[in-house]
Amino acid sequence: MRTSELPGVGVLVWNGDVDLIVGRGGRTYLLEVKPPRQPPSRRDRSLKQAELRARWPGHYAVVSSVEEALVAIGVGIEAP
């Protein structure tokens, strides 16, 4: 699913401490994307990511798939 297919959703790919900044319904979501095939020990947050998570008062989620990202921003997923 492309973000252009989701009315009212904007996505900014960020090359900083967070991977995606998503806007939906007047809210901002910070998403950290981790590869699903890596073992959990390889998916650890960097020190900067951990500090950001500790200090950020808003929504912050770690996701491994498009489906997880959609759930994190409150978009329902219909079964095929």
Protein backbone atom coordinates (compact mmCIF):
# COMPACT_ATOMS: atom_id res chain seq x y z
CA MET A 1 0.00 0.00 0.00
CA ARG A 2 1.32 3.40 -0.93
CA THR A 3 0.79 6.35 1.37
CA SER A 4 -0.88 8.12 -1.53
CA GLU A 5 -3.62 5.53 -1.18
CA LEU A 6 -4.32 6.66 2.39
CA PRO A 7 -6.26 9.94 2.37
CA GLY A 8 -5.07 12.38 5.01
CA VAL A 9 -1.77 10.60 5.71
CA GLY A 10 1.60 12.24 5.07
CA VAL A 11 4.94 10.49 5.46
CA LEU A 12 8.39 12.04 5.73
CA VAL A 13 11.39 9.72 5.49
CA TRP A 14 13.92 11.06 7.96
CA ASN A 15 17.63 10.36 8.07
CA GLY A 16 18.02 11.10 11.74
CA ASP A 17 17.27 9.40 15.03
CA VAL A 18 13.83 8.32 13.84
CA ASP A 19 13.10 6.72 10.47
CA LEU A 20 9.63 8.00 9.60
CA ILE A 21 7.56 10.98 10.67
CA VAL A 22 3.90 10.35 9.89
CA GLY A 23 1.09 12.87 10.10
CA ARG A 24 -2.53 11.74 10.31
CA GLY A 25 -5.61 13.41 11.71
CA GLY A 26 -3.67 16.32 13.18
CA ARG A 27 -1.33 13.99 15.07
CA THR A 28 2.34 13.25 14.54
CA TYR A 29 3.75 9.75 14.86
CA LEU A 30 7.44 8.90 15.07
CA LEU A 31 8.21 5.45 13.70
CA GLU A 32 11.47 3.59 14.04
CA VAL A 33 11.74 0.84 11.41
CA LYS A 34 13.66 -2.32 12.21
CA PRO A 35 14.25 -5.19 9.74
CA PRO A 36 12.00 -8.14 10.64
CA ARG A 37 14.50 -10.80 9.62
CA GLN A 38 17.24 -9.64 11.96
CA PRO A 39 17.52 -11.34 15.35
CA PRO A 40 16.26 -9.20 18.26
CA SER A 41 19.83 -8.55 19.41
CA ARG A 42 20.54 -6.83 16.07
CA ARG A 43 17.38 -4.70 16.30
CA ASP A 44 18.51 -2.76 19.35
CA ARG A 45 18.05 0.99 19.28
CA SER A 46 21.02 3.26 18.95
CA LEU A 47 21.86 5.41 21.96
CA LYS A 48 20.35 8.44 20.21
CA GLN A 49 17.14 6.53 19.44
CA ALA A 50 16.85 5.42 23.07
CA GLU A 51 17.38 9.00 24.27
CA LEU A 52 14.78 10.32 21.83
CA ARG A 53 12.26 7.71 22.95
CA ALA A 54 12.87 8.56 26.59
CA ARG A 55 12.39 12.29 26.00
CA TRP A 56 9.65 12.34 23.34
CA PRO A 57 6.25 12.93 24.99
CA GLY A 58 4.24 11.96 21.91
CA HIS A 59 3.57 8.79 19.96
CA TYR A 60 6.66 6.68 19.17
CA ALA A 61 6.62 3.11 17.89
CA VAL A 62 9.07 0.52 16.63
CA VAL A 63 7.72 -1.32 13.58
CA SER A 64 8.95 -4.09 11.28
CA SER A 65 6.35 -4.03 8.51
CA VAL A 66 3.88 -1.83 6.67
CA GLU A 67 1.08 -3.54 8.58
CA GLU A 68 2.67 -2.70 11.94
CA ALA A 69 3.17 0.90 10.83
CA LEU A 70 -0.50 1.20 9.84
CA VAL A 71 -1.63 -0.19 13.17
CA ALA A 72 0.75 2.20 14.97
CA ILE A 73 -0.93 5.21 13.32
CA GLY A 74 -4.43 3.87 13.90
CA VAL A 75 -5.29 2.73 10.39
CA GLY A 76 -7.35 -0.45 10.41
CA ILE A 77 -6.25 -3.28 8.17
CA GLU A 78 -8.89 -5.30 6.36
CA ALA A 79 -8.39 -9.02 5.86
CA PRO A 80 -7.80 -10.02 2.22
